[in-house]
Amino acid sequence: MRARTADEAERAALWPRLLEIYADFDDYRRRAGDRVIPVVICEPI
């Protein structure tokens, strides 16, 4: 697998799906303040 950080468009598309799986991510985002929580995509190589 190759791991990479999602770009802004990918992150915007994936974030709602992540919240469906684990709603506490939204609380984590709020606690992080201005810091952007990275979304990591794993792809087979």
N, C-alpha and C. Protein backbone atom coordinates (compact mmCIF):
# COMPACT_ATOMS: atom_id res chain seq x y z
N MET A 1 0.84 -1.18 0.00
CA MET A 1 0.00 0.00 0.00
C MET A 1 0.88 1.24 0.00
N ARG A 2 0.37 2.26 -0.63
CA ARG A 2 1.01 3.57 -0.61
C ARG A 2 0.04 4.52 0.09
N ALA A 3 0.52 5.24 1.07
CA ALA A 3 -0.32 6.20 1.80
C ALA A 3 0.02 7.60 1.33
N ARG A 4 -1.02 8.41 1.16
CA ARG A 4 -0.83 9.80 0.78
C ARG A 4 -1.92 10.63 1.44
N THR A 5 -1.63 11.89 1.63
CA THR A 5 -2.61 12.82 2.20
C THR A 5 -3.56 13.28 1.10
N ALA A 6 -4.84 13.24 1.37
CA ALA A 6 -5.85 13.67 0.41
C ALA A 6 -5.68 15.16 0.11
N ASP A 7 -5.88 15.52 -1.15
CA ASP A 7 -5.86 16.95 -1.48
C ASP A 7 -7.16 17.58 -0.99
N GLU A 8 -7.29 18.88 -1.15
CA GLU A 8 -8.46 19.59 -0.61
C GLU A 8 -9.77 19.07 -1.17
N ALA A 9 -9.83 18.80 -2.47
CA ALA A 9 -11.07 18.32 -3.09
C ALA A 9 -11.42 16.92 -2.59
N GLU A 10 -10.41 16.05 -2.50
CA GLU A 10 -10.66 14.70 -1.99
C GLU A 10 -11.10 14.73 -0.54
N ARG A 11 -10.45 15.58 0.24
CA ARG A 11 -10.81 15.70 1.66
C ARG A 11 -12.25 16.18 1.81
N ALA A 12 -12.63 17.17 1.01
CA ALA A 12 -14.00 17.70 1.07
C ALA A 12 -15.01 16.62 0.71
N ALA A 13 -14.67 15.76 -0.23
CA ALA A 13 -15.57 14.68 -0.63
C ALA A 13 -15.61 13.56 0.41
N LEU A 14 -14.49 13.28 1.04
CA LEU A 14 -14.41 12.15 1.98
C LEU A 14 -14.87 12.49 3.39
N TRP A 15 -14.71 13.73 3.81
CA TRP A 15 -15.02 14.09 5.20
C TRP A 15 -16.45 13.73 5.61
N PRO A 16 -17.48 14.04 4.80
CA PRO A 16 -18.83 13.64 5.21
C PRO A 16 -18.98 12.12 5.37
N ARG A 17 -18.30 11.36 4.55
CA ARG A 17 -18.35 9.90 4.66
C ARG A 17 -17.69 9.44 5.96
N LEU A 18 -16.59 10.10 6.33
CA LEU A 18 -15.94 9.77 7.59
C LEU A 18 -16.85 10.07 8.78
N LEU A 19 -17.59 11.16 8.70
CA LEU A 19 -18.52 11.50 9.79
C LEU A 19 -19.65 10.49 9.90
N GLU A 20 -20.06 9.90 8.78
CA GLU A 20 -21.08 8.85 8.83
C GLU A 20 -20.57 7.63 9.58
N ILE A 21 -19.28 7.34 9.42
CA ILE A 21 -18.68 6.18 10.06
C ILE A 21 -18.38 6.47 11.53
N TYR A 22 -17.88 7.67 11.81
CA TYR A 22 -17.46 8.01 13.17
C TYR A 22 -17.76 9.48 13.42
N ALA A 23 -18.93 9.75 13.96
CA ALA A 23 -19.41 11.12 14.15
C ALA A 23 -18.50 11.94 15.07
N ASP A 24 -17.73 11.29 15.95
CA ASP A 24 -16.85 12.03 16.86
C ASP A 24 -15.72 12.76 16.15
N PHE A 25 -15.48 12.44 14.87
CA PHE A 25 -14.48 13.18 14.11
C PHE A 25 -14.83 14.67 14.06
N ASP A 26 -16.11 15.00 14.04
CA ASP A 26 -16.52 16.40 14.00
C ASP A 26 -16.13 17.12 15.30
N ASP A 27 -16.30 16.44 16.44
CA ASP A 27 -15.86 17.02 17.71
C ASP A 27 -14.35 17.19 17.72
N TYR A 28 -13.64 16.21 17.20
CA TYR A 28 -12.18 16.28 17.12
C TYR A 28 -11.75 17.46 16.27
N ARG A 29 -12.44 17.68 15.15
CA ARG A 29 -12.12 18.81 14.27
C ARG A 29 -12.31 20.13 15.01
N ARG A 30 -13.39 20.26 15.75
CA ARG A 30 -13.63 21.49 16.50
C ARG A 30 -12.55 21.73 17.55
N ARG A 31 -12.15 20.67 18.25
CA ARG A 31 -11.12 20.80 19.28
C ARG A 31 -9.76 21.15 18.68
N ALA A 32 -9.56 20.79 17.42
CA ALA A 32 -8.27 21.05 16.76
C ALA A 32 -8.10 22.52 16.41
N GLY A 33 -9.15 23.30 16.53
CA GLY A 33 -9.06 24.73 16.23
C GLY A 33 -8.80 24.97 14.75
N ASP A 34 -7.77 25.72 14.45
CA ASP A 34 -7.45 26.06 13.06
C ASP A 34 -6.69 24.95 12.34
N ARG A 35 -6.23 23.95 13.08
CA ARG A 35 -5.46 22.87 12.47
C ARG A 35 -6.36 22.01 11.58
N VAL A 36 -5.91 21.70 10.40
CA VAL A 36 -6.66 20.84 9.48
C VAL A 36 -6.31 19.38 9.80
N ILE A 37 -7.34 18.59 10.04
CA ILE A 37 -7.14 17.17 10.30
C ILE A 37 -6.89 16.49 8.96
N PRO A 38 -5.74 15.89 8.75
CA PRO A 38 -5.47 15.27 7.46
C PRO A 38 -6.29 14.00 7.26
N VAL A 39 -6.64 13.75 6.02
CA VAL A 39 -7.28 12.50 5.63
C VAL A 39 -6.25 11.76 4.80
N VAL A 40 -5.97 10.53 5.19
CA VAL A 40 -4.95 9.74 4.51
C VAL A 40 -5.64 8.69 3.64
N ILE A 41 -5.20 8.60 2.41
CA ILE A 41 -5.74 7.63 1.46
C ILE A 41 -4.67 6.56 1.26
N CYS A 42 -5.05 5.30 1.39
CA CYS A 42 -4.14 4.19 1.14
C CYS A 42 -4.53 3.54 -0.19
N GLU A 43 -3.54 3.43 -1.06
CA GLU A 43 -3.77 2.88 -2.38
C GLU A 43 -2.83 1.70 -2.62
N PRO A 44 -3.32 0.64 -3.26
CA PRO A 44 -2.43 -0.47 -3.58
C PRO A 44 -1.38 -0.03 -4.60
N ILE A 45 -0.20 -0.60 -4.50
CA ILE A 45 0.85 -0.25 -5.47
C ILE A 45 1.16 -1.44 -6.36
